[in-house]
Amino acid sequence: MKYTAVLVPGDGIGPEVASAALEILAAAKAPIDWVECLAGVAALEAGGKDLLPTATIEAIRKHGVALKGPCTTPVGGGFSSVNVAMRKTLDLYGAIRPVRSLNGVKTRFENVDLVVVRENTEGLYAGIENEITSGVVTSVKVATRVACLRIAEFAFRYAVHRNRKKVSVFHKANIMKLSDGMFIKCAREVHESKFQSIEYEELIIDAACMRLVQDPTRFDVLLMENLYGDVISDLCAGLVGGLGVVPGANLGEHCAIFEAVHGSAPDIAGKGVANPLAITMSAVMMLNYIAEKHSDTSLAAIATRIRTAYDRALVDGCKTRDLGGKLGTNEFAKAVIERL
């Protein structure tokens, strides 16, 4: 079968790493037709008026799946995050970030294999901020029972589907007794009513961070609200080699976006040195997602071939500069293709 997916190259290094990933998928004969759409600064530079064009949102809704490069978000001012807007507009409430140790990428830890599940639509990322008087700003953290229940269901269903054994909820309910308190109450409710076969624990997030860096192998599926999930997923990436080796997915009831979780890195854009592995790994997640939806075992086999090829490339010492190697973006892609 042939499938159609939306490609959003993104900003900065986005088009370079996205192009490399597409070359790998084409070499593996992945049956994907791409519809390219723009978002972020790239949309404005192409003459558009919106950072998140309606045409891009409509295309993702129509085809149900997208592969996305990083979009620039200014720090301390400027426009709001395109990534956050995209997730909220499409109601992509569940973020998944698998983190695993890779042979050939030496870090302080071995045998890390965990998944961060992040609520993707509310919390402090609801974006409700006000300057109530000069020099005083408030930021409102939003938590709803509906969103807390559905992300808990999402995490436990994922754990069962992927044969995971434990769900750990990270929270700060000792301080934020209403918002985080509701989050853990909903998680307990879902666990006790439907998923008692899965081991369950709750950890205050500061203590959980300490345990993560002491021994990440004690964790399996990590469930948390939006801001915590953003921070912890990057922390976990650091356990296995950085954001260049970690994929990401944003899932909703009707569509999904798979994306590299690193930034747009404008300082190295156009130099051909960016690591395309994260977006390639995200593309493999996308292939598996499509394969599961359509019961397409041949597509799942292609995803496995690509994963095996980039794993082998790393073992053989084929690494980009962020991993201590010397290969450029296209050279790494070529190394993966040679091992398909």
Protein backbone atom coordinates (compact mmCIF):
# COMPACT_ATOMS: atom_id res chain seq x y z
CA MET A 1 0.00 0.00 0.00
CA LYS A 2 0.92 3.63 -0.47
CA TYR A 3 0.41 6.11 2.34
CA THR A 4 0.41 9.90 2.42
CA ALA A 5 2.04 11.91 5.19
CA VAL A 6 2.64 15.60 5.73
CA LEU A 7 6.21 16.85 5.94
CA VAL A 8 6.87 20.03 7.93
CA PRO A 9 10.63 20.67 7.49
CA GLY A 10 10.74 23.41 10.14
CA ASP A 11 13.36 26.08 10.71
CA GLY A 12 17.15 26.23 11.01
CA ILE A 13 18.61 22.75 10.62
CA GLY A 14 15.12 21.33 10.13
CA PRO A 15 15.15 21.13 6.32
CA GLU A 16 18.63 19.53 6.33
CA VAL A 17 17.86 16.76 8.81
CA ALA A 18 14.39 16.19 7.33
CA SER A 19 15.90 15.77 3.86
CA ALA A 20 18.42 13.23 5.19
CA ALA A 21 15.66 11.26 6.92
CA LEU A 22 13.59 11.19 3.73
CA GLU A 23 16.58 9.86 1.80
CA ILE A 24 16.88 7.00 4.26
CA LEU A 25 13.16 6.21 4.03
CA ALA A 26 13.30 6.30 0.23
CA ALA A 27 16.32 3.98 0.18
CA ALA A 28 14.40 1.56 2.43
CA LYS A 29 11.48 1.78 -0.03
CA ALA A 30 9.05 3.09 2.56
CA PRO A 31 5.78 3.59 0.60
CA ILE A 32 5.17 7.18 1.66
CA ASP A 33 4.04 10.07 -0.52
CA TRP A 34 4.88 13.39 1.08
CA VAL A 35 2.83 16.58 1.16
CA GLU A 36 5.19 19.37 2.18
CA CYS A 37 3.78 22.19 4.33
CA LEU A 38 5.37 25.04 6.22
CA ALA A 39 5.26 26.24 9.82
CA GLY A 40 7.32 28.59 11.96
CA VAL A 41 9.72 31.20 10.64
CA ALA A 42 9.94 29.24 7.38
CA ALA A 43 6.26 30.01 6.72
CA LEU A 44 6.89 33.75 7.08
CA GLU A 45 10.05 33.66 4.98
CA ALA A 46 8.05 32.00 2.20
CA GLY A 47 5.74 35.03 2.10
CA GLY A 48 3.02 33.83 4.43
CA LYS A 49 1.37 35.88 7.15
CA ASP A 50 0.97 33.17 9.78
CA LEU A 51 3.51 31.12 11.70
CA LEU A 52 1.05 28.24 11.65
CA PRO A 53 -0.82 28.42 8.33
CA THR A 54 -4.35 27.07 8.15
CA ALA A 55 -3.31 25.01 5.12
CA THR A 56 -0.74 23.15 7.23
CA ILE A 57 -3.27 22.32 9.95
CA GLU A 58 -5.84 21.23 7.36
CA ALA A 59 -3.31 18.99 5.61
CA ILE A 60 -2.41 17.23 8.86
CA ARG A 61 -6.10 16.78 9.68
CA LYS A 62 -6.74 15.37 6.21
CA HIS A 63 -3.89 12.88 6.11
CA GLY A 64 -3.75 12.12 9.83
CA VAL A 65 0.01 11.93 10.20
CA ALA A 66 3.00 14.25 9.88
CA LEU A 67 6.77 14.24 10.25
CA LYS A 68 8.07 17.53 11.59
CA GLY A 69 11.43 19.24 11.96
CA PRO A 70 12.18 21.76 14.73
CA CYS A 71 10.55 25.20 14.70
CA THR A 72 12.22 28.24 16.23
CA THR A 73 10.75 29.68 19.44
CA PRO A 74 12.17 33.02 20.67
CA VAL A 75 13.32 33.22 24.30
CA GLY A 76 11.85 35.89 26.59
CA GLY A 77 9.76 37.64 23.96
CA GLY A 78 8.57 37.52 20.37
CA PHE A 79 5.93 35.11 19.10
CA SER A 80 4.45 32.17 21.00
CA SER A 81 5.62 28.61 20.44
CA VAL A 82 4.46 27.15 17.14
CA ASN A 83 4.93 23.66 18.58
CA VAL A 84 2.58 24.36 21.48
CA ALA A 85 0.01 25.96 19.15
CA MET A 86 0.10 22.98 16.81
CA ARG A 87 -0.45 20.49 19.62
CA LYS A 88 -3.32 22.49 21.11
CA THR A 89 -5.01 23.17 17.76
CA LEU A 90 -4.94 19.49 16.78
CA ASP A 91 -5.60 18.29 20.35
CA LEU A 92 -2.46 16.14 20.35
CA TYR A 93 -2.80 15.54 24.05
CA GLY A 94 -0.32 12.68 24.48
CA ALA A 95 3.42 13.13 23.96
CA ILE A 96 5.64 10.06 23.86
CA ARG A 97 9.42 10.27 24.10
CA PRO A 98 11.17 6.90 24.17
CA VAL A 99 14.68 7.00 25.63
CA ARG A 100 17.03 4.05 25.22
CA SER A 101 20.74 3.40 25.43
CA LEU A 102 22.40 2.99 22.03
CA ASN A 103 25.36 0.72 21.44
CA GLY A 104 28.19 2.85 20.14
CA VAL A 105 27.08 5.95 22.06
CA LYS A 106 29.01 5.93 25.31
CA THR A 107 27.37 7.63 28.30
CA ARG A 108 27.52 7.33 32.08
CA PHE A 109 24.64 4.84 32.03
CA GLU A 110 23.90 1.53 30.32
CA ASN A 111 20.65 -0.33 29.68
CA VAL A 112 18.43 2.75 29.91
CA ASP A 113 15.02 1.96 28.40
CA LEU A 114 12.23 4.25 29.51
CA VAL A 115 9.39 6.27 28.01
CA VAL A 116 8.28 9.75 29.05
CA VAL A 117 4.53 10.30 28.63
CA ARG A 118 3.60 13.97 28.85
CA GLU A 119 0.23 15.72 28.95
CA ASN A 120 0.48 18.05 26.00
CA THR A 121 -2.33 20.61 26.10
CA GLU A 122 -2.57 22.40 29.44
CA GLY A 123 -0.62 23.14 32.64
CA LEU A 124 1.53 26.28 32.59
CA TYR A 125 1.80 25.83 28.82
CA ALA A 126 -1.80 26.99 28.52
CA GLY A 127 -0.04 30.33 28.07
CA ILE A 128 -2.17 32.38 30.46
CA GLU A 129 0.12 35.14 31.72
CA ASN A 130 -0.66 38.63 32.95
CA GLU A 131 1.32 41.58 34.24
CA ILE A 132 -0.98 42.56 37.06
CA THR A 133 1.08 45.64 37.96
CA SER A 134 4.49 46.96 37.04
CA GLY A 135 7.08 44.31 37.87
CA VAL A 136 4.55 41.66 38.91
CA VAL A 137 3.57 38.86 36.53
CA THR A 138 1.29 35.89 37.13
CA SER A 139 1.28 32.63 35.15
CA VAL A 140 -1.79 30.41 35.51
CA LYS A 141 -1.42 26.62 35.63
CA VAL A 142 -4.48 24.90 34.16
CA ALA A 143 -5.50 21.36 35.10
CA THR A 144 -8.79 19.71 34.18
CA ARG A 145 -10.12 16.36 35.29
CA VAL A 146 -10.88 15.43 31.68
CA ALA A 147 -7.30 15.99 30.54
CA CYS A 148 -5.79 14.33 33.62
CA LEU A 149 -7.93 11.21 33.16
CA ARG A 150 -7.27 10.87 29.45
CA ILE A 151 -3.48 11.19 29.73
CA ALA A 152 -3.49 8.62 32.54
CA GLU A 153 -5.54 6.25 30.35
CA PHE A 154 -3.15 6.97 27.49
CA ALA A 155 -0.08 6.10 29.59
CA PHE A 156 -1.50 2.87 30.97
CA ARG A 157 -2.81 1.74 27.58
CA TYR A 158 0.63 2.43 26.12
CA ALA A 159 2.27 0.42 28.91
CA VAL A 160 0.01 -2.57 28.25
CA HIS A 161 0.41 -2.37 24.48
CA ARG A 162 4.20 -2.18 24.71
CA ASN A 163 4.52 -4.83 27.41
CA ARG A 164 5.83 -2.32 29.93
CA LYS A 165 5.66 -3.25 33.59
CA LYS A 166 5.45 -0.03 35.60
CA VAL A 167 4.07 3.51 35.45
CA SER A 168 5.71 6.16 37.64
CA VAL A 169 3.84 9.45 38.12
CA PHE A 170 6.01 12.52 38.76
CA HIS A 171 4.24 15.35 40.57
CA LYS A 172 4.52 18.23 43.06
CA ALA A 173 1.23 17.63 44.84
CA ASN A 174 2.80 18.38 48.20
CA ILE A 175 2.89 22.04 47.09
CA MET A 176 0.35 22.29 44.25
CA LYS A 177 -2.31 20.38 46.10
CA LEU A 178 -5.19 21.16 43.74
CA SER A 179 -3.65 20.91 40.23
CA ASP A 180 -1.02 18.20 40.80
CA GLY A 181 -3.28 16.72 43.46
CA MET A 182 -5.96 16.14 40.84
CA PHE A 183 -3.38 14.73 38.43
CA ILE A 184 -2.30 11.97 40.82
CA LYS A 185 -5.88 11.27 41.95
CA CYS A 186 -6.87 10.69 38.33
CA ALA A 187 -3.85 8.46 37.75
CA ARG A 188 -4.73 6.39 40.81
CA GLU A 189 -8.34 6.12 39.68
CA VAL A 190 -7.37 4.85 36.22
CA HIS A 191 -4.85 2.40 37.68
CA GLU A 192 -7.21 0.98 40.28
CA SER A 193 -10.21 0.70 37.97
CA LYS A 194 -8.59 -0.74 34.82
CA PHE A 195 -4.88 -1.46 35.04
CA GLN A 196 -4.02 -3.14 38.32
CA SER A 197 -1.74 -5.57 36.48
CA ILE A 198 0.68 -2.66 35.89
CA GLU A 199 2.92 -1.69 38.80
CA TYR A 200 2.24 1.89 39.90
CA GLU A 201 4.14 4.47 41.94
CA GLU A 202 4.09 8.20 42.66
CA LEU A 203 7.20 10.33 43.19
CA ILE A 204 7.62 13.99 44.06
CA ILE A 205 9.42 15.36 41.03
CA ASP A 206 12.51 16.78 42.72
CA ALA A 207 13.24 13.48 44.45
CA ALA A 208 12.39 11.67 41.20
CA CYS A 209 15.03 13.70 39.35
CA MET A 210 17.62 12.62 41.92
CA ARG A 211 16.65 8.98 41.46
CA LEU A 212 16.74 9.32 37.69
CA VAL A 213 20.36 10.42 37.67
CA GLN A 214 21.29 7.84 40.29
CA ASP A 215 19.81 4.87 38.45
CA PRO A 216 17.56 5.44 35.41
CA THR A 217 17.19 1.69 34.87
CA ARG A 218 14.69 1.50 37.76
CA PHE A 219 12.16 3.40 35.67
CA ASP A 220 9.89 2.24 32.84
CA VAL A 221 6.99 4.55 31.83
CA LEU A 222 7.05 8.05 33.34
CA LEU A 223 3.74 9.96 33.42
CA MET A 224 3.57 13.69 34.13
CA GLU A 225 1.96 17.01 33.30
CA ASN A 226 3.12 19.34 30.55
CA LEU A 227 6.00 21.39 32.00
CA TYR A 228 7.47 18.49 33.96
CA GLY A 229 7.32 16.33 30.84
CA ASP A 230 9.18 18.93 28.82
CA VAL A 231 11.99 19.20 31.36
CA ILE A 232 12.25 15.51 32.25
CA SER A 233 12.27 14.32 28.64
CA ASP A 234 15.34 16.47 27.96
CA LEU A 235 16.98 15.30 31.17
CA CYS A 236 16.39 11.70 30.13
CA ALA A 237 17.81 12.39 26.66
CA GLY A 238 21.01 13.45 28.40
CA LEU A 239 21.25 10.01 29.97
CA VAL A 240 21.68 8.35 26.56
CA GLY A 241 23.63 10.88 24.50
CA GLY A 242 21.51 13.99 24.07
CA LEU A 243 18.60 15.29 22.05
CA GLY A 244 20.20 14.14 18.81
CA VAL A 245 19.41 10.50 19.60
CA VAL A 246 15.87 10.75 20.99
CA PRO A 247 12.64 10.73 18.93
CA GLY A 248 9.25 12.13 19.81
CA ALA A 249 5.59 11.71 18.98
CA ASN A 250 2.49 13.82 19.68
CA LEU A 251 -0.70 11.79 19.48
CA GLY A 252 -4.39 12.62 19.50
CA GLU A 253 -7.57 10.76 18.68
CA HIS A 254 -7.50 11.67 14.99
CA CYS A 255 -3.93 12.54 14.01
CA ALA A 256 -0.30 12.35 15.06
CA ILE A 257 2.86 14.38 14.57
CA PHE A 258 6.28 12.77 14.86
CA GLU A 259 9.17 15.14 15.46
CA ALA A 260 12.76 15.56 16.49
CA VAL A 261 12.69 17.02 19.98
CA HIS A 262 15.81 19.15 19.62
CA GLY A 263 15.88 22.82 18.64
CA SER A 264 16.37 24.48 15.28
CA ALA A 265 20.05 25.26 16.03
CA PRO A 266 20.35 28.34 13.78
CA ASP A 267 24.06 28.62 14.62
CA ILE A 268 24.85 25.49 12.59
CA ALA A 269 22.07 25.73 10.00
CA GLY A 270 23.31 25.32 6.45
CA LYS A 271 26.66 23.87 7.49
CA GLY A 272 25.72 20.25 6.88
CA VAL A 273 26.83 19.07 10.33
CA ALA A 274 23.52 18.52 12.14
CA ASN A 275 22.63 15.04 13.36
CA PRO A 276 19.64 13.62 11.41
CA LEU A 277 19.22 10.63 13.73
CA ALA A 278 16.49 12.04 15.98
CA ILE A 279 14.15 12.86 13.09
CA THR A 280 15.00 9.53 11.45
CA MET A 281 14.07 7.74 14.67
CA SER A 282 10.86 9.78 14.76
CA ALA A 283 10.16 8.70 11.18
CA VAL A 284 10.56 5.07 12.26
CA MET A 285 8.00 5.69 15.00
CA MET A 286 5.72 7.17 12.33
CA LEU A 287 6.09 4.10 10.11
CA ASN A 288 5.24 1.82 13.03
CA TYR A 289 2.22 3.99 13.87
CA ILE A 290 0.92 3.73 10.31
CA ALA A 291 1.71 0.00 10.18
CA GLU A 292 -0.28 -0.65 13.37
CA LYS A 293 -3.26 1.39 12.16
CA HIS A 294 -3.39 -0.51 8.87
CA SER A 295 -2.09 -3.91 10.06
CA ASP A 296 0.70 -3.57 7.51
CA THR A 297 3.44 -6.02 8.48
CA SER A 298 5.59 -5.11 5.47
CA LEU A 299 5.73 -1.47 6.58
CA ALA A 300 6.62 -2.55 10.11
CA ALA A 301 9.44 -4.63 8.63
CA ILE A 302 10.77 -1.56 6.79
CA ALA A 303 10.75 0.37 10.07
CA THR A 304 12.73 -2.43 11.71
CA ARG A 305 15.27 -2.44 8.87
CA ILE A 306 15.89 1.29 9.26
CA ARG A 307 16.26 1.01 13.03
CA THR A 308 18.67 -1.90 12.65
CA ALA A 309 20.67 0.07 10.09
CA TYR A 310 21.18 3.16 12.23
CA ASP A 311 21.94 1.04 15.27
CA ARG A 312 24.62 -0.75 13.24
CA ALA A 313 26.01 2.52 11.91
CA LEU A 314 26.54 3.77 15.46
CA VAL A 315 28.21 0.53 16.53
CA ASP A 316 30.52 0.85 13.52
CA GLY A 317 31.58 4.31 14.68
CA CYS A 318 29.57 6.33 12.18
CA LYS A 319 28.71 9.37 14.28
CA THR A 320 28.08 13.07 13.83
CA ARG A 321 29.95 15.74 15.77
CA ASP A 322 27.50 15.97 18.64
CA LEU A 323 28.28 12.31 19.41
CA GLY A 324 32.04 12.76 19.16
CA GLY A 325 32.30 11.72 15.50
CA LYS A 326 33.23 13.54 12.32
CA LEU A 327 30.41 12.76 9.89
CA GLY A 328 28.17 15.44 8.42
CA THR A 329 24.42 15.21 7.99
CA ASN A 330 24.46 13.60 4.54
CA GLU A 331 27.43 11.39 5.36
CA PHE A 332 25.59 9.89 8.31
CA ALA A 333 22.51 9.32 6.17
CA LYS A 334 24.69 7.57 3.61
CA ALA A 335 26.20 5.36 6.32
CA VAL A 336 22.70 4.28 7.40
CA ILE A 337 21.64 3.62 3.81
CA GLU A 338 24.70 1.45 3.24
CA ARG A 339 23.57 -0.75 6.15
CA LEU A 340 19.94 -1.19 5.20
